[in-house]
Amino acid sequence: MEIESRVPAINMEAAQKVIRQQLVLLLHAHSCQQKDVADDGDSECTLPYCKKTKEVLNHIRNCVQGTDCDWDHCIAYQQIIAHWKHCSQKKRCSICGPIFTSQINNALNASCPKSS
């Protein structure tokens, strides 16, 4: 994905941090949406911006305007989602790597019994 090539090098680290934060929010909102569907309703998630992000995800599913869309965050979120889905270097990617590693660690910790 060409996200990084459009950001001046001096701001690269800050831009990557913002993109990672948005990606974490997108992944959370998607998971939260899945729980909403399973629970047959809208959960009362207290994570800031979760509800708004779920609205954007719902919009993205049906958006046909492409780069002409003026819905808040639609284009940027579509690019971030596409990068996450198609990143071939998830473990080493400066955007995906920390999140991918965190997800693996969380899954491992969740599956391991806690010692008392």
PDB file of N, CA and C in Angstrom:
ATOM      1  N   MET A   1       0.842  -1.182   0.000  1.00  0.00           N
ATOM      2  CA  MET A   1       0.000   0.000   0.000  1.00  0.00           C
ATOM      3  C   MET A   1       0.875   1.228   0.000  1.00  0.00           C
ATOM      4  N   GLU A   2       0.420   2.274  -0.573  1.00  0.00           N
ATOM      5  CA  GLU A   2       1.202   3.479  -0.742  1.00  0.00           C
ATOM      6  C   GLU A   2       0.955   4.519   0.330  1.00  0.00           C
ATOM      7  N   ILE A   3       0.466   4.147   1.478  1.00  0.00           N
ATOM      8  CA  ILE A   3       0.189   5.111   2.540  1.00  0.00           C
ATOM      9  C   ILE A   3       1.454   5.875   2.889  1.00  0.00           C
ATOM     10  N   GLU A   4       2.540   5.167   3.106  1.00  0.00           N
ATOM     11  CA  GLU A   4       3.769   5.779   3.575  1.00  0.00           C
ATOM     12  C   GLU A   4       4.414   6.689   2.537  1.00  0.00           C
ATOM     13  N   SER A   5       4.250   6.415   1.256  1.00  0.00           N
ATOM     14  CA  SER A   5       4.918   7.199   0.233  1.00  0.00           C
ATOM     15  C   SER A   5       4.328   8.597   0.088  1.00  0.00           C
ATOM     16  N   ARG A   6       3.151   8.845   0.640  1.00  0.00           N
ATOM     17  CA  ARG A   6       2.518  10.153   0.527  1.00  0.00           C
ATOM     18  C   ARG A   6       2.781  11.042   1.738  1.00  0.00           C
ATOM     19  N   VAL A   7       3.567  10.593   2.676  1.00  0.00           N
ATOM     20  CA  VAL A   7       3.814  11.351   3.891  1.00  0.00           C
ATOM     21  C   VAL A   7       5.287  11.769   3.899  1.00  0.00           C
ATOM     22  N   PRO A   8       5.572  13.071   4.112  1.00  0.00           N
ATOM     23  CA  PRO A   8       6.975  13.493   4.192  1.00  0.00           C
ATOM     24  C   PRO A   8       7.718  12.711   5.270  1.00  0.00           C
ATOM     25  N   ALA A   9       8.981  12.403   5.017  1.00  0.00           N
ATOM     26  CA  ALA A   9       9.770  11.573   5.935  1.00  0.00           C
ATOM     27  C   ALA A   9       9.831  12.153   7.332  1.00  0.00           C
ATOM     28  N   ILE A  10       9.867  13.459   7.467  1.00  0.00           N
ATOM     29  CA  ILE A  10       9.984  14.081   8.779  1.00  0.00           C
ATOM     30  C   ILE A  10       8.761  13.784   9.662  1.00  0.00           C
ATOM     31  N   ASN A  11       7.618  13.571   9.053  1.00  0.00           N
ATOM     32  CA  ASN A  11       6.389  13.306   9.794  1.00  0.00           C
ATOM     33  C   ASN A  11       6.000  11.825   9.778  1.00  0.00           C
ATOM     34  N   MET A  12       6.867  10.987   9.236  1.00  0.00           N
ATOM     35  CA  MET A  12       6.530   9.580   9.040  1.00  0.00           C
ATOM     36  C   MET A  12       6.162   8.880  10.338  1.00  0.00           C
ATOM     37  N   GLU A  13       6.941   9.049  11.379  1.00  0.00           N
ATOM     38  CA  GLU A  13       6.678   8.349  12.633  1.00  0.00           C
ATOM     39  C   GLU A  13       5.339   8.777  13.241  1.00  0.00           C
ATOM     40  N   ALA A  14       5.067  10.068  13.219  1.00  0.00           N
ATOM     41  CA  ALA A  14       3.795  10.569  13.750  1.00  0.00           C
ATOM     42  C   ALA A  14       2.628  10.068  12.902  1.00  0.00           C
ATOM     43  N   ALA A  15       2.793  10.062  11.597  1.00  0.00           N
ATOM     44  CA  ALA A  15       1.732   9.587  10.705  1.00  0.00           C
ATOM     45  C   ALA A  15       1.471   8.102  10.920  1.00  0.00           C
ATOM     46  N   GLN A  16       2.534   7.323  11.080  1.00  0.00           N
ATOM     47  CA  GLN A  16       2.378   5.894  11.317  1.00  0.00           C
ATOM     48  C   GLN A  16       1.645   5.639  12.627  1.00  0.00           C
ATOM     49  N   LYS A  17       1.939   6.435  13.645  1.00  0.00           N
ATOM     50  CA  LYS A  17       1.265   6.279  14.924  1.00  0.00           C
ATOM     51  C   LYS A  17      -0.228   6.548  14.780  1.00  0.00           C
ATOM     52  N   VAL A  18      -0.593   7.598  14.052  1.00  0.00           N
ATOM     53  CA  VAL A  18      -2.007   7.925  13.839  1.00  0.00           C
ATOM     54  C   VAL A  18      -2.691   6.815  13.051  1.00  0.00           C
ATOM     55  N   ILE A  19      -2.037   6.318  12.024  1.00  0.00           N
ATOM     56  CA  ILE A  19      -2.615   5.244  11.208  1.00  0.00           C
ATOM     57  C   ILE A  19      -2.799   3.982  12.045  1.00  0.00           C
ATOM     58  N   ARG A  20      -1.811   3.663  12.881  1.00  0.00           N
ATOM     59  CA  ARG A  20      -1.943   2.496  13.769  1.00  0.00           C
ATOM     60  C   ARG A  20      -3.111   2.677  14.730  1.00  0.00           C
ATOM     61  N   GLN A  21      -3.270   3.876  15.283  1.00  0.00           N
ATOM     62  CA  GLN A  21      -4.386   4.132  16.194  1.00  0.00           C
ATOM     63  C   GLN A  21      -5.724   3.964  15.472  1.00  0.00           C
ATOM     64  N   GLN A  22      -5.787   4.459  14.239  1.00  0.00           N
ATOM     65  CA  GLN A  22      -7.014   4.312  13.462  1.00  0.00           C
ATOM     66  C   GLN A  22      -7.271   2.846  13.141  1.00  0.00           C
ATOM     67  N   LEU A  23      -6.223   2.112  12.816  1.00  0.00           N
ATOM     68  CA  LEU A  23      -6.371   0.690  12.520  1.00  0.00           C
ATOM     69  C   LEU A  23      -6.863  -0.076  13.741  1.00  0.00           C
ATOM     70  N   VAL A  24      -6.313   0.225  14.913  1.00  0.00           N
ATOM     71  CA  VAL A  24      -6.772  -0.432  16.143  1.00  0.00           C
ATOM     72  C   VAL A  24      -8.250  -0.132  16.363  1.00  0.00           C
ATOM     73  N   LEU A  25      -8.649   1.115  16.161  1.00  0.00           N
ATOM     74  CA  LEU A  25     -10.052   1.496  16.326  1.00  0.00           C
ATOM     75  C   LEU A  25     -10.930   0.767  15.312  1.00  0.00           C
ATOM     76  N   LEU A  26     -10.473   0.678  14.067  1.00  0.00           N
ATOM     77  CA  LEU A  26     -11.234  -0.036  13.037  1.00  0.00           C
ATOM     78  C   LEU A  26     -11.391  -1.513  13.386  1.00  0.00           C
ATOM     79  N   LEU A  27     -10.327  -2.139  13.830  1.00  0.00           N
ATOM     80  CA  LEU A  27     -10.392  -3.559  14.190  1.00  0.00           C
ATOM     81  C   LEU A  27     -11.323  -3.761  15.386  1.00  0.00           C
ATOM     82  N   HIS A  28     -11.247  -2.866  16.361  1.00  0.00           N
ATOM     83  CA  HIS A  28     -12.143  -2.963  17.506  1.00  0.00           C
ATOM     84  C   HIS A  28     -13.598  -2.796  17.067  1.00  0.00           C
ATOM     85  N   ALA A  29     -13.864  -1.752  16.273  1.00  0.00           N
ATOM     86  CA  ALA A  29     -15.235  -1.474  15.844  1.00  0.00           C
ATOM     87  C   ALA A  29     -15.799  -2.639  15.037  1.00  0.00           C
ATOM     88  N   HIS A  30     -14.976  -3.251  14.210  1.00  0.00           N
ATOM     89  CA  HIS A  30     -15.429  -4.413  13.431  1.00  0.00           C
ATOM     90  C   HIS A  30     -15.791  -5.561  14.369  1.00  0.00           C
ATOM     91  N   SER A  31     -14.929  -5.816  15.343  1.00  0.00           N
ATOM     92  CA  SER A  31     -15.199  -6.872  16.319  1.00  0.00           C
ATOM     93  C   SER A  31     -16.455  -6.552  17.122  1.00  0.00           C
ATOM     94  N   CYS A  32     -16.596  -5.312  17.501  1.00  0.00           N
ATOM     95  CA  CYS A  32     -17.756  -4.869  18.268  1.00  0.00           C
ATOM     96  C   CYS A  32     -19.039  -5.045  17.432  1.00  0.00           C
ATOM     97  N   GLN A  33     -18.953  -4.741  16.148  1.00  0.00           N
ATOM     98  CA  GLN A  33     -20.094  -4.939  15.238  1.00  0.00           C
ATOM     99  C   GLN A  33     -20.492  -6.408  15.177  1.00  0.00           C
ATOM    100  N   GLN A  34     -19.495  -7.273  15.116  1.00  0.00           N
ATOM    101  CA  GLN A  34     -19.764  -8.709  15.071  1.00  0.00           C
ATOM    102  C   GLN A  34     -20.498  -9.141  16.342  1.00  0.00           C
ATOM    103  N   LYS A  35     -20.105  -8.596  17.482  1.00  0.00           N
ATOM    104  CA  LYS A  35     -20.782  -8.906  18.743  1.00  0.00           C
ATOM    105  C   LYS A  35     -22.211  -8.375  18.726  1.00  0.00           C
ATOM    106  N   ASP A  36     -22.394  -7.174  18.139  1.00  0.00           N
ATOM    107  CA  ASP A  36     -23.741  -6.606  18.018  1.00  0.00           C
ATOM    108  C   ASP A  36     -24.648  -7.544  17.230  1.00  0.00           C
ATOM    109  N   VAL A  37     -24.136  -8.072  16.134  1.00  0.00           N
ATOM    110  CA  VAL A  37     -24.910  -8.981  15.284  1.00  0.00           C
ATOM    111  C   VAL A  37     -25.241 -10.252  16.067  1.00  0.00           C
ATOM    112  N   ALA A  38     -24.249 -10.784  16.757  1.00  0.00           N
ATOM    113  CA  ALA A  38     -24.462 -12.014  17.533  1.00  0.00           C
ATOM    114  C   ALA A  38     -25.455 -11.798  18.672  1.00  0.00           C
ATOM    115  N   ASP A  39     -25.419 -10.593  19.254  1.00  0.00           N
ATOM    116  CA  ASP A  39     -26.322 -10.287  20.374  1.00  0.00           C
ATOM    117  C   ASP A  39     -27.651  -9.710  19.907  1.00  0.00           C
ATOM    118  N   ASP A  40     -27.821  -9.583  18.587  1.00  0.00           N
ATOM    119  CA  ASP A  40     -29.059  -9.069  17.995  1.00  0.00           C
ATOM    120  C   ASP A  40     -29.395  -7.661  18.490  1.00  0.00           C
ATOM    121  N   GLY A  41     -28.393  -6.801  18.482  1.00  0.00           N
ATOM    122  CA  GLY A  41     -28.644  -5.428  18.895  1.00  0.00           C
ATOM    123  C   GLY A  41     -27.381  -4.613  18.937  1.00  0.00           C
ATOM    124  N   ASP A  42     -27.540  -3.347  19.280  1.00  0.00           N
ATOM    125  CA  ASP A  42     -26.410  -2.436  19.358  1.00  0.00           C
ATOM    126  C   ASP A  42     -25.896  -2.398  20.786  1.00  0.00           C
ATOM    127  N   SER A  43     -24.652  -2.828  20.973  1.00  0.00           N
ATOM    128  CA  SER A  43     -24.079  -2.829  22.315  1.00  0.00           C
ATOM    129  C   SER A  43     -23.736  -1.413  22.745  1.00  0.00           C
ATOM    130  N   GLU A  44     -23.615  -1.240  24.002  1.00  0.00           N
ATOM    131  CA  GLU A  44     -23.267   0.063  24.560  1.00  0.00           C
ATOM    132  C   GLU A  44     -21.757   0.109  24.814  1.00  0.00           C
ATOM    133  N   CYS A  45     -20.985   0.090  23.776  1.00  0.00           N
ATOM    134  CA  CYS A  45     -19.532   0.134  23.896  1.00  0.00           C
ATOM    135  C   CYS A  45     -19.122   1.513  24.415  1.00  0.00           C
ATOM    136  N   THR A  46     -18.208   1.518  25.359  1.00  0.00           N
ATOM    137  CA  THR A  46     -17.772   2.775  25.952  1.00  0.00           C
ATOM    138  C   THR A  46     -16.461   3.291  25.358  1.00  0.00           C
ATOM    139  N   LEU A  47     -15.897   2.567  24.402  1.00  0.00           N
ATOM    140  CA  LEU A  47     -14.666   3.029  23.774  1.00  0.00           C
ATOM    141  C   LEU A  47     -14.959   4.290  22.962  1.00  0.00           C
ATOM    142  N   PRO A  48     -14.210   5.363  23.216  1.00  0.00           N
ATOM    143  CA  PRO A  48     -14.450   6.587  22.451  1.00  0.00           C
ATOM    144  C   PRO A  48     -14.349   6.337  20.940  1.00  0.00           C
ATOM    145  N   TYR A  49     -15.282   6.878  20.204  1.00  0.00           N
ATOM    146  CA  TYR A  49     -15.348   6.823  18.749  1.00  0.00           C
ATOM    147  C   TYR A  49     -15.756   5.468  18.174  1.00  0.00           C
ATOM    148  N   CYS A  50     -16.032   4.483  18.999  1.00  0.00           N
ATOM    149  CA  CYS A  50     -16.445   3.182  18.483  1.00  0.00           C
ATOM    150  C   CYS A  50     -17.737   3.299  17.684  1.00  0.00           C
ATOM    151  N   LYS A  51     -18.730   3.959  18.255  1.00  0.00           N
ATOM    152  CA  LYS A  51     -20.019   4.076  17.578  1.00  0.00           C
ATOM    153  C   LYS A  51     -19.871   4.776  16.227  1.00  0.00           C
ATOM    154  N   LYS A  52     -19.133   5.875  16.195  1.00  0.00           N
ATOM    155  CA  LYS A  52     -18.916   6.607  14.953  1.00  0.00           C
ATOM    156  C   LYS A  52     -18.166   5.736  13.942  1.00  0.00           C
ATOM    157  N   THR A  53     -17.175   5.000  14.409  1.00  0.00           N
ATOM    158  CA  THR A  53     -16.397   4.133  13.520  1.00  0.00           C
ATOM    159  C   THR A  53     -17.276   3.024  12.954  1.00  0.00           C
ATOM    160  N   LYS A  54     -18.186   2.478  13.768  1.00  0.00           N
ATOM    161  CA  LYS A  54     -19.118   1.470  13.257  1.00  0.00           C
ATOM    162  C   LYS A  54     -20.020   2.075  12.187  1.00  0.00           C
ATOM    163  N   GLU A  55     -20.418   3.317  12.356  1.00  0.00           N
ATOM    164  CA  GLU A  55     -21.226   3.998  11.332  1.00  0.00           C
ATOM    165  C   GLU A  55     -20.447   4.127  10.031  1.00  0.00           C
ATOM    166  N   VAL A  56     -19.171   4.485  10.144  1.00  0.00           N
ATOM    167  CA  VAL A  56     -18.327   4.603   8.942  1.00  0.00           C
ATOM    168  C   VAL A  56     -18.156   3.240   8.286  1.00  0.00           C
ATOM    169  N   LEU A  57     -17.948   2.193   9.084  1.00  0.00           N
ATOM    170  CA  LEU A  57     -17.820   0.843   8.516  1.00  0.00           C
ATOM    171  C   LEU A  57     -19.095   0.433   7.783  1.00  0.00           C
ATOM    172  N   ASN A  58     -20.244   0.762   8.343  1.00  0.00           N
ATOM    173  CA  ASN A  58     -21.509   0.472   7.655  1.00  0.00           C
ATOM    174  C   ASN A  58     -21.601   1.238   6.342  1.00  0.00           C
ATOM    175  N   HIS A  59     -21.169   2.496   6.356  1.00  0.00           N
ATOM    176  CA  HIS A  59     -21.174   3.301   5.138  1.00  0.00           C
ATOM    177  C   HIS A  59     -20.247   2.691   4.080  1.00  0.00           C
ATOM    178  N   ILE A  60     -19.049   2.304   4.507  1.00  0.00           N
ATOM    179  CA  ILE A  60     -18.048   1.777   3.575  1.00  0.00           C
ATOM    180  C   ILE A  60     -18.575   0.549   2.833  1.00  0.00           C
ATOM    181  N   ARG A  61     -19.330  -0.281   3.512  1.00  0.00           N
ATOM    182  CA  ARG A  61     -19.858  -1.498   2.871  1.00  0.00           C
ATOM    183  C   ARG A  61     -20.655  -1.188   1.604  1.00  0.00           C
ATOM    184  N   ASN A  62     -21.316  -0.046   1.591  1.00  0.00           N
ATOM    185  CA  ASN A  62     -22.195   0.291   0.469  1.00  0.00           C
ATOM    186  C   ASN A  62     -21.706   1.474  -0.355  1.00  0.00           C
ATOM    187  N   CYS A  63     -20.557   2.030  -0.024  1.00  0.00           N
ATOM    188  CA  CYS A  63     -20.061   3.221  -0.707  1.00  0.00           C
ATOM    189  C   CYS A  63     -19.623   2.884  -2.128  1.00  0.00           C
ATOM    190  N   VAL A  64     -20.152   3.639  -3.071  1.00  0.00           N
ATOM    191  CA  VAL A  64     -19.784   3.439  -4.482  1.00  0.00           C
ATOM    192  C   VAL A  64     -19.128   4.687  -5.067  1.00  0.00           C
ATOM    193  N   GLN A  65     -18.877   5.685  -4.225  1.00  0.00           N
ATOM    194  CA  GLN A  65     -18.324   6.948  -4.705  1.00  0.00           C
ATOM    195  C   GLN A  65     -16.807   6.937  -4.836  1.00  0.00           C
ATOM    196  N   GLY A  66     -16.162   5.925  -4.290  1.00  0.00           N
ATOM    197  CA  GLY A  66     -14.706   5.825  -4.392  1.00  0.00           C
ATOM    198  C   GLY A  66     -14.003   7.034  -3.814  1.00  0.00           C
ATOM    199  N   THR A  67     -13.041   7.568  -4.542  1.00  0.00           N
ATOM    200  CA  THR A  67     -12.260   8.699  -4.047  1.00  0.00           C
ATOM    201  C   THR A  67     -13.034  10.014  -4.058  1.00  0.00           C
ATOM    202  N   ASP A  68     -14.250  10.004  -4.581  1.00  0.00           N
ATOM    203  CA  ASP A  68     -15.090  11.198  -4.578  1.00  0.00           C
ATOM    204  C   ASP A  68     -15.986  11.277  -3.347  1.00  0.00           C
ATOM    205  N   CYS A  69     -15.929  10.285  -2.484  1.00  0.00           N
ATOM    206  CA  CYS A  69     -16.799  10.253  -1.309  1.00  0.00           C
ATOM    207  C   CYS A  69     -16.387  11.342  -0.326  1.00  0.00           C
ATOM    208  N   ASP A  70     -17.386  12.048   0.202  1.00  0.00           N
ATOM    209  CA  ASP A  70     -17.084  13.095   1.169  1.00  0.00           C
ATOM    210  C   ASP A  70     -17.529  12.732   2.591  1.00  0.00           C
ATOM    211  N   TRP A  71     -17.913  11.462   2.802  1.00  0.00           N
ATOM    212  CA  TRP A  71     -18.274  10.985   4.137  1.00  0.00           C
ATOM    213  C   TRP A  71     -17.009  11.000   4.998  1.00  0.00           C
ATOM    214  N   ASP A  72     -17.117  11.532   6.218  1.00  0.00           N
ATOM    215  CA  ASP A  72     -15.953  11.617   7.103  1.00  0.00           C
ATOM    216  C   ASP A  72     -15.251  10.271   7.236  1.00  0.00           C
ATOM    217  N   HIS A  73     -13.980  10.258   6.972  1.00  0.00           N
ATOM    218  CA  HIS A  73     -13.076   9.110   7.159  1.00  0.00           C
ATOM    219  C   HIS A  73     -13.265   7.972   6.150  1.00  0.00           C
ATOM    220  N   CYS A  74     -14.224   8.052   5.259  1.00  0.00           N
ATOM    221  CA  CYS A  74     -14.495   6.936   4.342  1.00  0.00           C
ATOM    222  C   CYS A  74     -13.258   6.548   3.542  1.00  0.00           C
ATOM    223  N   ILE A  75     -12.671   7.495   2.839  1.00  0.00           N
ATOM    224  CA  ILE A  75     -11.540   7.179   1.962  1.00  0.00           C
ATOM    225  C   ILE A  75     -10.337   6.708   2.768  1.00  0.00           C
ATOM    226  N   ALA A  76      -9.999   7.442   3.832  1.00  0.00           N
ATOM    227  CA  ALA A  76      -8.838   7.073   4.645  1.00  0.00           C
ATOM    228  C   ALA A  76      -9.017   5.686   5.259  1.00  0.00           C
ATOM    229  N   TYR A  77     -10.207   5.419   5.800  1.00  0.00           N
ATOM    230  CA  TYR A  77     -10.453   4.117   6.419  1.00  0.00           C
ATOM    231  C   TYR A  77     -10.435   3.003   5.390  1.00  0.00           C
ATOM    232  N   GLN A  78     -10.949   3.257   4.198  1.00  0.00           N
ATOM    233  CA  GLN A  78     -10.884   2.238   3.146  1.00  0.00           C
ATOM    234  C   GLN A  78      -9.429   1.903   2.819  1.00  0.00           C
ATOM    235  N   GLN A  79      -8.576   2.919   2.759  1.00  0.00           N
ATOM    236  CA  GLN A  79      -7.157   2.685   2.472  1.00  0.00           C
ATOM    237  C   GLN A  79      -6.487   1.905   3.593  1.00  0.00           C
ATOM    238  N   ILE A  80      -6.798   2.246   4.829  1.00  0.00           N
ATOM    239  CA  ILE A  80      -6.205   1.549   5.975  1.00  0.00           C
ATOM    240  C   ILE A  80      -6.672   0.091   6.006  1.00  0.00           C
ATOM    241  N   ILE A  81      -7.958  -0.130   5.770  1.00  0.00           N
ATOM    242  CA  ILE A  81      -8.497  -1.489   5.750  1.00  0.00           C
ATOM    243  C   ILE A  81      -7.856  -2.306   4.630  1.00  0.00           C
ATOM    244  N   ALA A  82      -7.746  -1.702   3.458  1.00  0.00           N
ATOM    245  CA  ALA A  82      -7.132  -2.405   2.315  1.00  0.00           C
ATOM    246  C   ALA A  82      -5.683  -2.760   2.629  1.00  0.00           C
ATOM    247  N   HIS A  83      -4.964  -1.831   3.248  1.00  0.00           N
ATOM    248  CA  HIS A  83      -3.573  -2.116   3.603  1.00  0.00           C
ATOM    249  C   HIS A  83      -3.510  -3.296   4.565  1.00  0.00           C
ATOM    250  N   TRP A  84      -4.330  -3.289   5.619  1.00  0.00           N
ATOM    251  CA  TRP A  84      -4.336  -4.373   6.606  1.00  0.00           C
ATOM    252  C   TRP A  84      -4.659  -5.713   5.949  1.00  0.00           C
ATOM    253  N   LYS A  85      -5.660  -5.724   5.073  1.00  0.00           N
ATOM    254  CA  LYS A  85      -6.077  -6.974   4.427  1.00  0.00           C
ATOM    255  C   LYS A  85      -5.014  -7.531   3.495  1.00  0.00           C
ATOM    256  N   HIS A  86      -4.279  -6.646   2.824  1.00  0.00           N
ATOM    257  CA  HIS A  86      -3.378  -7.097   1.768  1.00  0.00           C
ATOM    258  C   HIS A  86      -1.894  -6.958   2.101  1.00  0.00           C
ATOM    259  N   CYS A  87      -1.574  -6.517   3.305  1.00  0.00           N
ATOM    260  CA  CYS A  87      -0.169  -6.342   3.681  1.00  0.00           C
ATOM    261  C   CYS A  87       0.523  -7.706   3.701  1.00  0.00           C
ATOM    262  N   SER A  88       1.556  -7.829   2.909  1.00  0.00           N
ATOM    263  CA  SER A  88       2.263  -9.108   2.827  1.00  0.00           C
ATOM    264  C   SER A  88       3.403  -9.200   3.846  1.00  0.00           C
ATOM    265  N   GLN A  89       3.668  -8.120   4.542  1.00  0.00           N
ATOM    266  CA  GLN A  89       4.762  -8.084   5.513  1.00  0.00           C
ATOM    267  C   GLN A  89       4.239  -7.752   6.915  1.00  0.00           C
ATOM    268  N   LYS A  90       3.091  -8.317   7.286  1.00  0.00           N
ATOM    269  CA  LYS A  90       2.425  -7.939   8.538  1.00  0.00           C
ATOM    270  C   LYS A  90       3.354  -7.940   9.752  1.00  0.00           C
ATOM    271  N   LYS A  91       4.250  -8.897   9.842  1.00  0.00           N
ATOM    272  CA  LYS A  91       5.132  -8.971  11.006  1.00  0.00           C
ATOM    273  C   LYS A  91       6.173  -7.854  11.008  1.00  0.00           C
ATOM    274  N   ARG A  92       6.607  -7.426   9.832  1.00  0.00           N
ATOM    275  CA  ARG A  92       7.666  -6.422   9.747  1.00  0.00           C
ATOM    276  C   ARG A  92       7.173  -5.042   9.358  1.00  0.00           C
ATOM    277  N   CYS A  93       5.928  -4.922   8.982  1.00  0.00           N
ATOM    278  CA  CYS A  93       5.356  -3.651   8.536  1.00  0.00           C
ATOM    279  C   CYS A  93       5.313  -2.648   9.695  1.00  0.00           C
ATOM    280  N   SER A  94       5.710  -1.417   9.421  1.00  0.00           N
ATOM    281  CA  SER A  94       5.712  -0.400  10.480  1.00  0.00           C
ATOM    282  C   SER A  94       4.301  -0.027  10.919  1.00  0.00           C
ATOM    283  N   ILE A  95       3.310  -0.280  10.085  1.00  0.00           N
ATOM    284  CA  ILE A  95       1.916  -0.024  10.438  1.00  0.00           C
ATOM    285  C   ILE A  95       1.312  -1.266  11.101  1.00  0.00           C
ATOM    286  N   CYS A  96       1.378  -2.381  10.433  1.00  0.00           N
ATOM    287  CA  CYS A  96       0.700  -3.603  10.879  1.00  0.00           C
ATOM    288  C   CYS A  96       1.455  -4.380  11.958  1.00  0.00           C
ATOM    289  N   GLY A  97       2.767  -4.339  11.920  1.00  0.00           N
ATOM    290  CA  GLY A  97       3.592  -5.168  12.792  1.00  0.00           C
ATOM    291  C   GLY A  97       3.235  -5.103  14.264  1.00  0.00           C
ATOM    292  N   PRO A  98       3.222  -3.902  14.851  1.00  0.00           N
ATOM    293  CA  PRO A  98       2.908  -3.829  16.286  1.00  0.00           C
ATOM    294  C   PRO A  98       1.508  -4.351  16.611  1.00  0.00           C
ATOM    295  N   ILE A  99       0.567  -4.121  15.732  1.00  0.00           N
ATOM    296  CA  ILE A  99      -0.811  -4.567  15.975  1.00  0.00           C
ATOM    297  C   ILE A  99      -0.910  -6.069  15.793  1.00  0.00           C
ATOM    298  N   PHE A 100      -0.286  -6.582  14.742  1.00  0.00           N
ATOM    299  CA  PHE A 100      -0.290  -8.016  14.464  1.00  0.00           C
ATOM    300  C   PHE A 100       0.340  -8.769  15.630  1.00  0.00           C
ATOM    301  N   THR A 101       1.474  -8.287  16.108  1.00  0.00           N
ATOM    302  CA  THR A 101       2.167  -8.920  17.234  1.00  0.00           C
ATOM    303  C   THR A 101       1.310  -8.862  18.493  1.00  0.00           C
ATOM    304  N   SER A 102       0.674  -7.737  18.724  1.00  0.00           N
ATOM    305  CA  SER A 102      -0.197  -7.584  19.886  1.00  0.00           C
ATOM    306  C   SER A 102      -1.373  -8.550  19.828  1.00  0.00           C
ATOM    307  N   GLN A 103      -1.955  -8.714  18.647  1.00  0.00           N
ATOM    308  CA  GLN A 103      -3.083  -9.642  18.496  1.00  0.00           C
ATOM    309  C   GLN A 103      -2.650 -11.075  18.785  1.00  0.00           C
ATOM    310  N   ILE A 104      -1.482 -11.459  18.319  1.00  0.00           N
ATOM    311  CA  ILE A 104      -0.979 -12.815  18.567  1.00  0.00           C
ATOM    312  C   ILE A 104      -0.754 -13.007  20.064  1.00  0.00           C
ATOM    313  N   ASN A 105      -0.118 -12.021  20.705  1.00  0.00           N
ATOM    314  CA  ASN A 105       0.133 -12.122  22.146  1.00  0.00           C
ATOM    315  C   ASN A 105      -1.174 -12.191  22.934  1.00  0.00           C
ATOM    316  N   ASN A 106      -2.159 -11.385  22.556  1.00  0.00           N
ATOM    317  CA  ASN A 106      -3.458 -11.419  23.243  1.00  0.00           C
ATOM    318  C   ASN A 106      -4.134 -12.766  23.077  1.00  0.00           C
ATOM    319  N   ALA A 107      -4.056 -13.333  21.866  1.00  0.00           N
ATOM    320  CA  ALA A 107      -4.661 -14.643  21.624  1.00  0.00           C
ATOM    321  C   ALA A 107      -3.960 -15.722  22.440  1.00  0.00           C
ATOM    322  N   LEU A 108      -2.650 -15.664  22.491  1.00  0.00           N
ATOM    323  CA  LEU A 108      -1.907 -16.648  23.276  1.00  0.00           C
ATOM    324  C   LEU A 108      -2.220 -16.516  24.765  1.00  0.00           C
ATOM    325  N   ASN A 109      -2.255 -15.287  25.259  1.00  0.00           N
ATOM    326  CA  ASN A 109      -2.553 -15.076  26.673  1.00  0.00           C
ATOM    327  C   ASN A 109      -3.966 -15.506  27.022  1.00  0.00           C
ATOM    328  N   ALA A 110      -4.901 -15.313  26.099  1.00  0.00           N
ATOM    329  CA  ALA A 110      -6.287 -15.699  26.350  1.00  0.00           C
ATOM    330  C   ALA A 110      -6.451 -17.216  26.382  1.00  0.00           C
ATOM    331  N   SER A 111      -5.603 -17.905  25.624  1.00  0.00           N
ATOM    332  CA  SER A 111      -5.753 -19.356  25.556  1.00  0.00           C
ATOM    333  C   SER A 111      -4.959 -20.084  26.637  1.00  0.00           C
ATOM    334  N   CYS A 112      -4.070 -19.374  27.317  1.00  0.00           N
ATOM    335  CA  CYS A 112      -3.265 -19.992  28.374  1.00  0.00           C
ATOM    336  C   CYS A 112      -3.953 -19.823  29.712  1.00  0.00           C
ATOM    337  N   PRO A 113      -4.009 -20.886  30.498  1.00  0.00           N
ATOM    338  CA  PRO A 113      -4.596 -20.761  31.829  1.00  0.00           C
ATOM    339  C   PRO A 113      -3.742 -19.852  32.686  1.00  0.00           C
ATOM    340  N   LYS A 114      -4.394 -19.073  33.517  1.00  0.00           N
ATOM    341  CA  LYS A 114      -3.680 -18.156  34.432  1.00  0.00           C
ATOM    342  C   LYS A 114      -3.175 -18.941  35.631  1.00  0.00           C
ATOM    343  N   SER A 115      -1.951 -18.653  36.009  1.00  0.00           N
ATOM    344  CA  SER A 115      -1.405 -19.326  37.195  1.00  0.00           C
ATOM    345  C   SER A 115      -1.722 -18.470  38.420  1.00  0.00           C
ATOM    346  N   SER A 116      -2.044 -19.108  39.513  1.00  0.00           N
ATOM    347  CA  SER A 116      -2.412 -18.373  40.735  1.00  0.00           C
ATOM    348  C   SER A 116      -1.218 -18.139  41.614  1.00  0.00           C
TER     349      SER A 116
END
